């Protein structure tokens, strides 16, 4: 018989089956088509299952177990969004799944997947009619141009900043590595009001700010 004083996240997540009563939802986006289109290393498509396997072994936050357990018991895993390899269509499909939950005020967690996941997540806010500011912790800004008019894992934040809805009101990338950033990309980002922080500038005070 399971020890109710030492339950794992996996056991708690299964206790809420009705998304309409949830405080938070989890959605998987098992795609790395955008990574392959950007010349990167494939494998991120297996991410959602791998993250779930690790997450389910965790315990509620011992610093505030009552609150943590309350949230976990009211979190629903909606499974994975079906993906086709058509990056733009899959991003829109992810946005369509997320939008009604954002409208209802639920917190959404997306398990990727390549970085193209980000723009699909942003489209959820567009569909919900919500403005958003984006903070990206990364070594590079991912504002590359589309390739032959097609999105990829290196373009999500350019797509968000250029989206005709105007829903992306601010973008900051923190943790940039000088050898991983094209100066032209920073020029483009700065011209559009974006901001960035280099990795060696990420002091505790700067992170808090």
N, C-alpha and C. Protein backbone atom coordinates (compact mmCIF):
# COMPACT_ATOMS: atom_id res chain seq x y z
N UNK A 1 0.86 -1.19 0.00
CA UNK A 1 0.00 0.00 0.00
C UNK A 1 0.90 1.24 0.00
N UNK A 2 0.62 2.24 -0.89
CA UNK A 2 1.49 3.41 -0.96
C UNK A 2 1.48 4.22 0.32
N UNK A 3 2.64 4.79 0.61
CA UNK A 3 2.80 5.64 1.79
C UNK A 3 2.33 7.05 1.43
N UNK A 4 1.21 7.48 2.00
CA UNK A 4 0.62 8.78 1.66
C UNK A 4 1.50 9.94 2.11
N UNK A 5 2.47 9.67 2.97
CA UNK A 5 3.37 10.74 3.42
C UNK A 5 4.58 10.89 2.50
N UNK A 6 4.71 10.00 1.53
CA UNK A 6 5.88 10.04 0.64
C UNK A 6 5.45 9.80 -0.81
N UNK A 7 4.37 10.46 -1.20
CA UNK A 7 3.87 10.31 -2.56
C UNK A 7 4.76 11.05 -3.56
N UNK A 8 4.80 10.56 -4.77
CA UNK A 8 5.58 11.17 -5.83
C UNK A 8 4.66 11.99 -6.74
N UNK A 9 5.28 12.86 -7.51
CA UNK A 9 4.51 13.74 -8.38
C UNK A 9 3.60 12.96 -9.31
N UNK A 10 4.09 11.83 -9.83
CA UNK A 10 3.29 11.04 -10.75
C UNK A 10 1.97 10.59 -10.16
N UNK A 11 1.98 10.22 -8.88
CA UNK A 11 0.74 9.79 -8.23
C UNK A 11 -0.21 10.95 -8.01
N UNK A 12 0.32 12.12 -7.73
CA UNK A 12 -0.53 13.28 -7.45
C UNK A 12 -1.13 13.86 -8.73
N UNK A 13 -0.37 13.83 -9.83
CA UNK A 13 -0.87 14.39 -11.07
C UNK A 13 -2.09 13.64 -11.59
N UNK A 14 -2.19 12.37 -11.27
CA UNK A 14 -3.30 11.58 -11.78
C UNK A 14 -4.60 11.76 -11.04
N UNK A 15 -4.64 12.62 -10.03
CA UNK A 15 -5.82 12.73 -9.19
C UNK A 15 -6.86 13.70 -9.73
N UNK A 16 -6.48 14.52 -10.71
CA UNK A 16 -7.44 15.46 -11.31
C UNK A 16 -7.58 15.08 -12.78
N UNK A 17 -8.76 14.64 -13.17
CA UNK A 17 -8.97 14.20 -14.54
C UNK A 17 -9.74 15.22 -15.38
N UNK A 18 -10.31 16.23 -14.74
CA UNK A 18 -11.17 17.19 -15.43
C UNK A 18 -10.42 18.51 -15.63
N UNK A 19 -10.01 18.83 -16.86
CA UNK A 19 -9.27 20.07 -17.08
C UNK A 19 -10.03 21.32 -16.66
N UNK A 20 -11.37 21.26 -16.65
CA UNK A 20 -12.14 22.46 -16.31
C UNK A 20 -12.03 22.81 -14.83
N UNK A 21 -11.57 21.89 -14.01
CA UNK A 21 -11.38 22.17 -12.59
C UNK A 21 -9.91 22.34 -12.23
N UNK A 22 -9.04 22.28 -13.22
CA UNK A 22 -7.60 22.32 -12.97
C UNK A 22 -7.11 23.75 -12.73
N UNK A 23 -6.05 23.85 -11.97
CA UNK A 23 -5.34 25.12 -11.81
C UNK A 23 -4.24 25.25 -12.86
N UNK A 24 -3.72 24.11 -13.31
CA UNK A 24 -2.63 24.10 -14.28
C UNK A 24 -2.78 22.91 -15.21
N UNK A 25 -2.25 23.05 -16.41
CA UNK A 25 -2.26 21.94 -17.36
C UNK A 25 -0.86 21.76 -17.94
N UNK A 26 -0.55 20.52 -18.27
CA UNK A 26 0.70 20.17 -18.91
C UNK A 26 0.38 19.66 -20.31
N UNK A 27 1.16 20.11 -21.30
CA UNK A 27 0.97 19.68 -22.68
C UNK A 27 2.34 19.33 -23.26
N UNK A 28 2.43 18.20 -23.92
CA UNK A 28 3.67 17.83 -24.58
C UNK A 28 3.67 18.25 -26.04
N UNK A 29 4.85 18.64 -26.53
CA UNK A 29 5.02 19.02 -27.94
C UNK A 29 6.22 18.24 -28.47
N UNK A 30 5.99 16.98 -28.90
CA UNK A 30 7.09 16.07 -29.23
C UNK A 30 7.64 16.28 -30.64
N UNK A 31 8.19 17.45 -30.89
CA UNK A 31 8.68 17.77 -32.22
C UNK A 31 10.10 18.31 -32.16
N UNK A 32 10.93 17.87 -33.08
CA UNK A 32 12.21 18.52 -33.30
C UNK A 32 12.41 18.80 -34.78
N UNK A 33 11.29 18.91 -35.51
CA UNK A 33 11.36 19.23 -36.94
C UNK A 33 12.02 20.58 -37.16
N UNK A 34 11.76 21.53 -36.25
CA UNK A 34 12.37 22.85 -36.38
C UNK A 34 13.86 22.82 -36.11
N UNK A 35 14.29 21.93 -35.24
CA UNK A 35 15.72 21.77 -34.96
C UNK A 35 16.43 21.24 -36.21
N UNK A 36 15.83 20.23 -36.83
CA UNK A 36 16.42 19.66 -38.04
C UNK A 36 16.44 20.70 -39.17
N UNK A 37 15.38 21.50 -39.26
CA UNK A 37 15.34 22.54 -40.29
C UNK A 37 16.39 23.61 -40.06
N UNK A 38 16.83 23.75 -38.82
CA UNK A 38 17.84 24.76 -38.46
C UNK A 38 19.25 24.17 -38.46
N UNK A 39 19.38 22.92 -38.89
CA UNK A 39 20.70 22.29 -38.94
C UNK A 39 21.19 21.80 -37.60
N UNK A 40 20.28 21.66 -36.62
CA UNK A 40 20.68 21.23 -35.29
C UNK A 40 20.63 19.73 -35.11
N UNK A 41 20.87 19.30 -33.90
CA UNK A 41 20.92 17.87 -33.58
C UNK A 41 19.54 17.39 -33.17
N UNK A 42 18.96 16.43 -33.90
CA UNK A 42 17.63 15.93 -33.54
C UNK A 42 17.66 15.11 -32.25
N UNK A 43 16.50 14.88 -31.70
CA UNK A 43 16.37 14.10 -30.47
C UNK A 43 15.38 14.69 -29.49
N UNK A 44 15.12 15.99 -29.63
CA UNK A 44 14.23 16.67 -28.68
C UNK A 44 12.79 16.21 -28.78
N UNK A 45 12.45 15.52 -29.87
CA UNK A 45 11.08 15.01 -29.99
C UNK A 45 10.76 14.02 -28.87
N UNK A 46 11.79 13.39 -28.33
CA UNK A 46 11.59 12.45 -27.22
C UNK A 46 11.51 13.16 -25.88
N UNK A 47 11.62 14.48 -25.89
CA UNK A 47 11.67 15.25 -24.65
C UNK A 47 10.48 15.10 -23.73
N UNK A 48 9.24 15.24 -24.22
CA UNK A 48 8.10 15.17 -23.31
C UNK A 48 8.05 13.88 -22.48
N UNK A 49 8.28 12.74 -23.12
CA UNK A 49 8.24 11.48 -22.38
C UNK A 49 9.38 11.41 -21.37
N UNK A 50 10.56 11.90 -21.77
CA UNK A 50 11.70 11.86 -20.86
C UNK A 50 11.49 12.78 -19.66
N UNK A 51 10.92 13.95 -19.91
CA UNK A 51 10.66 14.89 -18.81
C UNK A 51 9.62 14.31 -17.85
N UNK A 52 8.56 13.74 -18.42
CA UNK A 52 7.53 13.15 -17.56
C UNK A 52 8.12 12.03 -16.70
N UNK A 53 8.95 11.18 -17.29
CA UNK A 53 9.53 10.07 -16.54
C UNK A 53 10.35 10.57 -15.36
N UNK A 54 11.10 11.66 -15.56
CA UNK A 54 11.89 12.23 -14.47
C UNK A 54 11.00 12.96 -13.47
N UNK A 55 10.06 13.75 -13.98
CA UNK A 55 9.17 14.54 -13.12
C UNK A 55 8.36 13.66 -12.18
N UNK A 56 7.87 12.55 -12.68
CA UNK A 56 6.98 11.70 -11.89
C UNK A 56 7.67 11.08 -10.69
N UNK A 57 9.01 11.07 -10.69
CA UNK A 57 9.75 10.50 -9.56
C UNK A 57 10.02 11.53 -8.46
N UNK A 58 9.76 12.81 -8.77
CA UNK A 58 10.00 13.85 -7.78
C UNK A 58 8.96 13.81 -6.67
N UNK A 59 9.25 14.53 -5.59
CA UNK A 59 8.29 14.70 -4.50
C UNK A 59 7.76 16.13 -4.52
N UNK A 60 6.64 16.39 -3.87
CA UNK A 60 6.20 17.78 -3.69
C UNK A 60 7.28 18.59 -2.97
N UNK A 61 7.26 19.88 -3.19
CA UNK A 61 8.25 20.78 -2.60
C UNK A 61 8.19 20.70 -1.07
N UNK A 62 9.25 20.21 -0.46
CA UNK A 62 9.26 20.01 0.99
C UNK A 62 9.26 21.32 1.77
N UNK A 63 9.55 22.43 1.10
CA UNK A 63 9.52 23.73 1.79
C UNK A 63 8.09 24.18 2.05
N UNK A 64 7.17 23.75 1.21
CA UNK A 64 5.76 24.09 1.38
C UNK A 64 4.93 22.92 0.83
N UNK A 65 4.97 21.78 1.51
CA UNK A 65 4.36 20.57 0.95
C UNK A 65 2.85 20.66 0.77
N UNK A 66 2.16 21.38 1.64
CA UNK A 66 0.70 21.47 1.51
C UNK A 66 0.32 22.22 0.25
N UNK A 67 0.93 23.37 0.05
CA UNK A 67 0.63 24.16 -1.15
C UNK A 67 1.07 23.43 -2.41
N UNK A 68 2.25 22.81 -2.37
CA UNK A 68 2.75 22.09 -3.53
C UNK A 68 1.83 20.93 -3.90
N UNK A 69 1.41 20.18 -2.89
CA UNK A 69 0.53 19.05 -3.15
C UNK A 69 -0.83 19.53 -3.68
N UNK A 70 -1.33 20.62 -3.14
CA UNK A 70 -2.61 21.18 -3.60
C UNK A 70 -2.53 21.50 -5.10
N UNK A 71 -1.43 22.10 -5.53
CA UNK A 71 -1.27 22.44 -6.94
C UNK A 71 -1.14 21.19 -7.79
N UNK A 72 -0.34 20.24 -7.35
CA UNK A 72 -0.13 19.02 -8.14
C UNK A 72 -1.42 18.23 -8.30
N UNK A 73 -2.21 18.20 -7.25
CA UNK A 73 -3.48 17.46 -7.32
C UNK A 73 -4.50 18.13 -8.23
N UNK A 74 -4.23 19.37 -8.60
CA UNK A 74 -5.13 20.11 -9.49
C UNK A 74 -4.44 20.49 -10.79
N UNK A 75 -3.47 19.66 -11.16
CA UNK A 75 -2.78 19.80 -12.43
C UNK A 75 -3.14 18.61 -13.32
N UNK A 76 -3.51 18.89 -14.56
CA UNK A 76 -3.90 17.84 -15.50
C UNK A 76 -2.89 17.76 -16.64
N UNK A 77 -2.42 16.57 -16.91
CA UNK A 77 -1.56 16.33 -18.06
C UNK A 77 -2.46 15.98 -19.25
N UNK A 78 -2.49 16.85 -20.24
CA UNK A 78 -3.35 16.67 -21.40
C UNK A 78 -2.74 15.77 -22.46
N UNK A 79 -1.54 15.27 -22.20
CA UNK A 79 -0.87 14.44 -23.20
C UNK A 79 -0.16 15.29 -24.23
N UNK A 80 0.17 14.68 -25.34
CA UNK A 80 0.95 15.35 -26.38
C UNK A 80 0.06 15.89 -27.49
N UNK A 81 0.44 17.04 -28.03
CA UNK A 81 -0.19 17.57 -29.22
C UNK A 81 0.27 16.72 -30.41
N UNK A 82 -0.64 16.24 -31.23
CA UNK A 82 -0.21 15.49 -32.43
C UNK A 82 0.59 16.40 -33.36
N UNK A 83 1.75 15.94 -33.77
CA UNK A 83 2.58 16.74 -34.66
C UNK A 83 2.76 16.01 -35.98
N UNK A 84 2.98 16.80 -37.03
CA UNK A 84 3.06 16.24 -38.39
C UNK A 84 4.42 16.44 -39.04
N UNK A 85 5.25 17.32 -38.46
CA UNK A 85 6.50 17.69 -39.11
C UNK A 85 6.41 18.99 -39.87
N UNK A 86 5.19 19.48 -40.08
CA UNK A 86 4.98 20.81 -40.65
C UNK A 86 5.06 21.79 -39.49
N UNK A 87 6.20 22.47 -39.36
CA UNK A 87 6.48 23.25 -38.16
C UNK A 87 5.42 24.32 -37.92
N UNK A 88 5.07 25.08 -38.96
CA UNK A 88 4.10 26.16 -38.78
C UNK A 88 2.73 25.62 -38.38
N UNK A 89 2.31 24.54 -39.01
CA UNK A 89 1.00 23.96 -38.67
C UNK A 89 1.01 23.38 -37.27
N UNK A 90 2.12 22.76 -36.88
CA UNK A 90 2.20 22.18 -35.54
C UNK A 90 2.24 23.28 -34.48
N UNK A 91 2.93 24.37 -34.76
CA UNK A 91 2.94 25.50 -33.82
C UNK A 91 1.54 26.05 -33.62
N UNK A 92 0.79 26.18 -34.70
CA UNK A 92 -0.58 26.69 -34.59
C UNK A 92 -1.46 25.72 -33.82
N UNK A 93 -1.24 24.42 -34.03
CA UNK A 93 -2.02 23.42 -33.31
C UNK A 93 -1.75 23.52 -31.81
N UNK A 94 -0.50 23.70 -31.43
CA UNK A 94 -0.17 23.87 -30.02
C UNK A 94 -0.86 25.12 -29.47
N UNK A 95 -0.80 26.22 -30.20
CA UNK A 95 -1.46 27.44 -29.75
C UNK A 95 -2.94 27.25 -29.56
N UNK A 96 -3.57 26.52 -30.47
CA UNK A 96 -5.01 26.28 -30.37
C UNK A 96 -5.36 25.46 -29.13
N UNK A 97 -4.49 24.52 -28.78
CA UNK A 97 -4.73 23.71 -27.58
C UNK A 97 -4.60 24.56 -26.32
N UNK A 98 -3.63 25.46 -26.29
CA UNK A 98 -3.35 26.24 -25.08
C UNK A 98 -4.34 27.38 -24.86
N UNK A 99 -4.83 27.98 -25.94
CA UNK A 99 -5.60 29.22 -25.81
C UNK A 99 -6.78 29.14 -24.84
N UNK A 100 -7.64 28.11 -24.91
CA UNK A 100 -8.78 28.10 -23.99
C UNK A 100 -8.37 27.98 -22.52
N UNK A 101 -7.26 27.33 -22.26
CA UNK A 101 -6.79 27.21 -20.87
C UNK A 101 -6.24 28.55 -20.38
N UNK A 102 -5.57 29.28 -21.25
CA UNK A 102 -5.08 30.60 -20.88
C UNK A 102 -6.26 31.56 -20.64
N UNK A 103 -7.28 31.46 -21.48
CA UNK A 103 -8.48 32.28 -21.29
C UNK A 103 -9.10 32.00 -19.92
N UNK A 104 -9.08 30.72 -19.51
CA UNK A 104 -9.68 30.33 -18.23
C UNK A 104 -8.79 30.65 -17.03
N UNK A 105 -7.59 31.17 -17.29
CA UNK A 105 -6.71 31.55 -16.21
C UNK A 105 -5.85 30.43 -15.67
N UNK A 106 -5.78 29.32 -16.40
CA UNK A 106 -4.94 28.22 -15.95
C UNK A 106 -3.48 28.48 -16.32
N UNK A 107 -2.59 27.98 -15.49
CA UNK A 107 -1.16 28.05 -15.79
C UNK A 107 -0.84 26.90 -16.73
N UNK A 108 -0.15 27.19 -17.83
CA UNK A 108 0.17 26.13 -18.79
C UNK A 108 1.66 25.87 -18.79
N UNK A 109 2.02 24.59 -18.83
CA UNK A 109 3.40 24.16 -18.92
C UNK A 109 3.54 23.32 -20.17
N UNK A 110 4.44 23.71 -21.06
CA UNK A 110 4.65 22.98 -22.31
C UNK A 110 5.97 22.23 -22.22
N UNK A 111 5.91 20.93 -22.48
CA UNK A 111 7.11 20.11 -22.48
C UNK A 111 7.57 19.92 -23.94
N UNK A 112 8.73 20.51 -24.28
CA UNK A 112 9.26 20.32 -25.64
C UNK A 112 10.16 19.13 -25.68
N UNK A 113 10.55 18.79 -26.87
CA UNK A 113 10.42 19.53 -28.10
C UNK A 113 11.56 20.52 -28.30
N UNK A 114 11.76 20.85 -29.59
CA UNK A 114 12.75 21.86 -29.93
C UNK A 114 12.27 23.25 -29.57
N UNK A 115 13.13 24.22 -29.83
CA UNK A 115 12.81 25.59 -29.43
C UNK A 115 11.68 26.19 -30.26
N UNK A 116 11.31 25.52 -31.35
CA UNK A 116 10.13 25.98 -32.09
C UNK A 116 8.87 25.90 -31.24
N UNK A 117 8.95 25.12 -30.15
CA UNK A 117 7.85 25.05 -29.18
C UNK A 117 7.43 26.45 -28.73
N UNK A 118 8.41 27.33 -28.58
CA UNK A 118 8.16 28.65 -28.01
C UNK A 118 7.12 29.45 -28.79
N UNK A 119 7.23 29.41 -30.11
CA UNK A 119 6.29 30.22 -30.89
C UNK A 119 4.88 29.63 -30.81
N UNK A 120 4.77 28.31 -30.76
CA UNK A 120 3.46 27.70 -30.55
C UNK A 120 2.84 28.13 -29.24
N UNK A 121 3.69 28.19 -28.19
CA UNK A 121 3.23 28.66 -26.88
C UNK A 121 2.75 30.11 -26.99
N UNK A 122 3.54 30.93 -27.67
CA UNK A 122 3.14 32.33 -27.88
C UNK A 122 1.80 32.43 -28.61
N UNK A 123 1.58 31.58 -29.60
CA UNK A 123 0.32 31.62 -30.34
C UNK A 123 -0.87 31.30 -29.45
N UNK A 124 -0.64 30.55 -28.38
CA UNK A 124 -1.70 30.33 -27.40
C UNK A 124 -2.15 31.64 -26.77
N UNK A 125 -1.19 32.50 -26.45
CA UNK A 125 -1.53 33.82 -25.88
C UNK A 125 -2.22 34.69 -26.91
N UNK A 126 -1.80 34.59 -28.16
CA UNK A 126 -2.47 35.33 -29.22
C UNK A 126 -3.92 34.89 -29.33
N UNK A 127 -4.14 33.57 -29.35
CA UNK A 127 -5.50 33.04 -29.44
C UNK A 127 -6.36 33.41 -28.25
N UNK A 128 -5.70 33.61 -27.10
CA UNK A 128 -6.43 34.00 -25.89
C UNK A 128 -6.62 35.51 -25.79
N UNK A 129 -6.07 36.25 -26.75
CA UNK A 129 -6.20 37.70 -26.73
C UNK A 129 -5.37 38.35 -25.64
N UNK A 130 -4.24 37.73 -25.28
CA UNK A 130 -3.41 38.22 -24.19
C UNK A 130 -2.09 38.77 -24.71
N UNK A 131 -1.66 39.89 -24.14
CA UNK A 131 -0.32 40.38 -24.44
C UNK A 131 0.67 39.62 -23.56
N UNK A 132 1.89 39.56 -24.01
CA UNK A 132 2.89 38.82 -23.24
C UNK A 132 4.26 39.44 -23.43
N UNK A 133 5.08 39.34 -22.40
CA UNK A 133 6.49 39.66 -22.52
C UNK A 133 7.25 38.35 -22.33
N UNK A 134 8.37 38.22 -23.00
CA UNK A 134 9.09 36.95 -23.04
C UNK A 134 10.47 37.12 -22.42
N UNK A 135 10.81 36.21 -21.53
CA UNK A 135 12.16 36.11 -20.98
C UNK A 135 12.72 34.76 -21.40
N UNK A 136 13.82 34.78 -22.13
CA UNK A 136 14.44 33.58 -22.67
C UNK A 136 15.81 33.40 -22.02
N UNK A 137 16.00 32.30 -21.29
CA UNK A 137 17.31 31.98 -20.71
C UNK A 137 18.05 31.12 -21.72
N UNK A 138 19.05 31.70 -22.39
CA UNK A 138 19.67 30.96 -23.49
C UNK A 138 21.03 31.56 -23.82
N UNK A 139 21.82 30.76 -24.52
CA UNK A 139 23.14 31.21 -24.96
C UNK A 139 23.07 32.03 -26.24
N UNK A 140 21.94 31.93 -26.96
CA UNK A 140 21.77 32.70 -28.19
C UNK A 140 20.33 33.19 -28.29
N UNK A 141 20.10 34.25 -29.05
CA UNK A 141 18.79 34.93 -28.98
C UNK A 141 17.68 34.29 -29.81
N UNK A 142 18.01 33.42 -30.75
CA UNK A 142 16.99 32.75 -31.57
C UNK A 142 16.05 33.74 -32.27
N UNK A 143 16.69 34.69 -32.96
CA UNK A 143 15.92 35.63 -33.80
C UNK A 143 16.40 35.52 -35.25
N UNK A 144 16.75 34.32 -35.67
CA UNK A 144 17.18 34.11 -37.05
C UNK A 144 16.01 34.33 -38.01
N UNK A 145 16.31 34.74 -39.23
CA UNK A 145 15.24 34.83 -40.24
C UNK A 145 14.68 33.44 -40.56
N UNK A 146 13.46 33.42 -41.07
CA UNK A 146 12.90 32.17 -41.54
C UNK A 146 13.71 31.66 -42.73
N UNK A 147 13.67 30.35 -42.95
CA UNK A 147 14.40 29.76 -44.07
C UNK A 147 13.40 29.42 -45.18
N UNK A 148 13.56 30.06 -46.32
CA UNK A 148 12.62 29.88 -47.43
C UNK A 148 11.19 30.12 -46.96
N UNK A 149 11.04 31.08 -46.06
CA UNK A 149 9.72 31.43 -45.56
C UNK A 149 9.17 30.49 -44.51
N UNK A 150 9.98 29.53 -44.05
CA UNK A 150 9.51 28.52 -43.11
C UNK A 150 10.16 28.69 -41.75
N UNK A 151 9.40 28.51 -40.66
CA UNK A 151 9.95 28.65 -39.31
C UNK A 151 10.82 27.47 -38.93
N UNK A 152 11.63 27.68 -37.90
CA UNK A 152 12.53 26.64 -37.41
C UNK A 152 12.87 26.96 -35.95
N UNK A 153 13.75 26.17 -35.37
CA UNK A 153 14.03 26.33 -33.94
C UNK A 153 14.82 27.60 -33.63
N UNK A 154 15.42 28.21 -34.63
CA UNK A 154 16.19 29.43 -34.39
C UNK A 154 15.42 30.71 -34.65
N UNK A 155 14.13 30.60 -34.98
CA UNK A 155 13.37 31.79 -35.37
C UNK A 155 12.22 32.18 -34.45
N UNK A 156 11.95 31.48 -33.33
CA UNK A 156 10.68 31.73 -32.62
C UNK A 156 10.49 33.14 -32.09
N UNK A 157 11.56 33.77 -31.62
CA UNK A 157 11.39 35.08 -31.01
C UNK A 157 11.30 36.18 -32.07
N UNK A 158 11.93 35.99 -33.21
CA UNK A 158 11.69 36.89 -34.34
C UNK A 158 10.22 36.79 -34.75
N UNK A 159 9.71 35.57 -34.83
CA UNK A 159 8.31 35.37 -35.21
C UNK A 159 7.38 36.07 -34.23
N UNK A 160 7.68 35.94 -32.94
CA UNK A 160 6.82 36.57 -31.93
C UNK A 160 6.87 38.10 -32.04
N UNK A 161 8.08 38.65 -32.20
CA UNK A 161 8.22 40.10 -32.27
C UNK A 161 7.60 40.67 -33.55
N UNK A 162 7.60 39.87 -34.62
CA UNK A 162 7.05 40.35 -35.89
C UNK A 162 5.59 39.98 -36.10
N UNK A 163 5.01 39.27 -35.14
CA UNK A 163 3.64 38.80 -35.35
C UNK A 163 2.69 39.98 -35.50
N UNK A 164 1.81 39.94 -36.48
CA UNK A 164 0.93 41.10 -36.73
C UNK A 164 -0.01 41.43 -35.59
N UNK A 165 -0.21 40.52 -34.66
CA UNK A 165 -1.08 40.81 -33.52
C UNK A 165 -0.49 41.86 -32.59
N UNK A 166 0.86 41.99 -32.60
CA UNK A 166 1.52 42.91 -31.67
C UNK A 166 1.44 42.45 -30.23
N UNK A 167 1.13 41.18 -30.00
CA UNK A 167 0.93 40.68 -28.63
C UNK A 167 2.23 40.51 -27.85
N UNK A 168 3.36 40.44 -28.55
CA UNK A 168 4.64 40.36 -27.84
C UNK A 168 5.13 41.78 -27.58
N UNK A 169 5.02 42.22 -26.33
CA UNK A 169 5.33 43.61 -26.01
C UNK A 169 6.77 43.81 -25.55
N UNK A 170 7.48 42.72 -25.20
CA UNK A 170 8.87 42.84 -24.76
C UNK A 170 9.54 41.48 -24.88
N UNK A 171 10.84 41.52 -25.17
CA UNK A 171 11.62 40.30 -25.25
C UNK A 171 13.00 40.55 -24.67
N UNK A 172 13.38 39.73 -23.71
CA UNK A 172 14.72 39.76 -23.12
C UNK A 172 15.32 38.38 -23.18
N UNK A 173 16.57 38.29 -23.60
CA UNK A 173 17.30 37.02 -23.57
C UNK A 173 18.47 37.19 -22.60
N UNK A 174 18.60 36.25 -21.68
CA UNK A 174 19.62 36.33 -20.64
C UNK A 174 20.50 35.09 -20.69
N UNK A 175 21.82 35.33 -20.67
CA UNK A 175 22.77 34.22 -20.68
C UNK A 175 23.53 34.09 -21.98
N UNK A 176 23.52 35.14 -22.81
CA UNK A 176 24.18 35.06 -24.11
C UNK A 176 25.67 34.76 -23.98
N UNK A 177 26.17 33.91 -24.86
CA UNK A 177 27.60 33.62 -24.96
C UNK A 177 28.14 34.33 -26.20
N UNK A 178 29.22 35.09 -26.05
CA UNK A 178 29.73 35.89 -27.17
C UNK A 178 30.03 35.08 -28.42
N UNK A 179 30.48 33.83 -28.24
CA UNK A 179 30.85 33.02 -29.40
C UNK A 179 29.65 32.32 -30.03
N UNK A 180 28.45 32.55 -29.48
CA UNK A 180 27.24 31.87 -29.99
C UNK A 180 26.21 32.85 -30.53
N UNK A 181 26.61 34.10 -30.73
CA UNK A 181 25.66 35.14 -31.13
C UNK A 181 26.20 35.91 -32.32
N UNK A 182 25.38 36.06 -33.35
CA UNK A 182 25.74 36.90 -34.49
C UNK A 182 25.43 38.36 -34.14
N UNK A 183 26.41 39.24 -34.37
CA UNK A 183 26.21 40.66 -34.05
C UNK A 183 25.00 41.23 -34.79
N UNK A 184 24.76 40.75 -36.00
CA UNK A 184 23.62 41.25 -36.77
C UNK A 184 22.30 40.92 -36.09
N UNK A 185 22.25 39.80 -35.37
CA UNK A 185 21.02 39.44 -34.67
C UNK A 185 20.76 40.40 -33.50
N UNK A 186 21.84 40.83 -32.84
CA UNK A 186 21.66 41.80 -31.76
C UNK A 186 21.26 43.16 -32.32
N UNK A 187 21.82 43.52 -33.48
CA UNK A 187 21.40 44.77 -34.12
C UNK A 187 19.91 44.73 -34.42
N UNK A 188 19.45 43.61 -34.96
CA UNK A 188 18.03 43.45 -35.29
C UNK A 188 17.18 43.54 -34.03
N UNK A 189 17.63 42.84 -32.98
CA UNK A 189 16.87 42.81 -31.73
C UNK A 189 16.82 44.19 -31.09
N UNK A 190 17.94 44.88 -31.05
CA UNK A 190 17.97 46.21 -30.45
C UNK A 190 17.09 47.19 -31.18
N UNK A 191 17.01 47.06 -32.50
CA UNK A 191 16.18 47.97 -33.29
C UNK A 191 14.70 47.76 -33.02
N UNK A 192 14.36 46.63 -32.42
CA UNK A 192 12.96 46.34 -32.12
C UNK A 192 12.66 46.40 -30.63
N UNK A 193 13.54 47.03 -29.89
CA UNK A 193 13.29 47.26 -28.47
C UNK A 193 13.61 46.08 -27.58
N UNK A 194 14.20 45.02 -28.12
CA UNK A 194 14.57 43.88 -27.30
C UNK A 194 15.80 44.18 -26.45
N UNK A 195 16.03 43.35 -25.46
CA UNK A 195 17.19 43.55 -24.58
C UNK A 195 17.86 42.21 -24.32
N UNK A 196 19.10 42.27 -23.85
CA UNK A 196 19.84 41.03 -23.60
C UNK A 196 20.84 41.24 -22.47
N UNK A 197 21.24 40.12 -21.87
CA UNK A 197 22.23 40.10 -20.80
C UNK A 197 23.24 39.00 -21.12
N UNK A 198 24.51 39.33 -21.10
CA UNK A 198 25.54 38.34 -21.37
C UNK A 198 25.69 37.39 -20.18
N UNK A 199 26.17 36.21 -20.44
CA UNK A 199 26.26 35.20 -19.38
C UNK A 199 27.13 35.65 -18.22
N UNK A 200 28.24 36.37 -18.52
CA UNK A 200 29.12 36.78 -17.44
C UNK A 200 28.58 37.98 -16.65
N UNK A 201 27.44 38.50 -17.06
CA UNK A 201 26.78 39.59 -16.33
C UNK A 201 25.67 39.07 -15.42
N UNK A 202 25.45 37.75 -15.43
CA UNK A 202 24.34 37.19 -14.65
C UNK A 202 24.73 36.97 -13.20
N UNK A 203 24.93 38.06 -12.49
CA UNK A 203 25.14 38.01 -11.05
C UNK A 203 23.80 37.75 -10.37
N UNK A 204 23.85 37.39 -9.10
CA UNK A 204 22.60 37.14 -8.36
C UNK A 204 21.71 38.36 -8.36
N UNK A 205 22.29 39.54 -8.19
CA UNK A 205 21.49 40.77 -8.19
C UNK A 205 20.86 41.02 -9.55
N UNK A 206 21.60 40.75 -10.61
CA UNK A 206 21.07 40.99 -11.96
C UNK A 206 19.94 40.01 -12.25
N UNK A 207 20.09 38.78 -11.82
CA UNK A 207 19.04 37.78 -12.03
C UNK A 207 17.77 38.20 -11.29
N UNK A 208 17.91 38.67 -10.05
CA UNK A 208 16.75 39.13 -9.30
C UNK A 208 16.05 40.29 -10.00
N UNK A 209 16.86 41.20 -10.57
CA UNK A 209 16.28 42.36 -11.25
C UNK A 209 15.54 41.93 -12.50
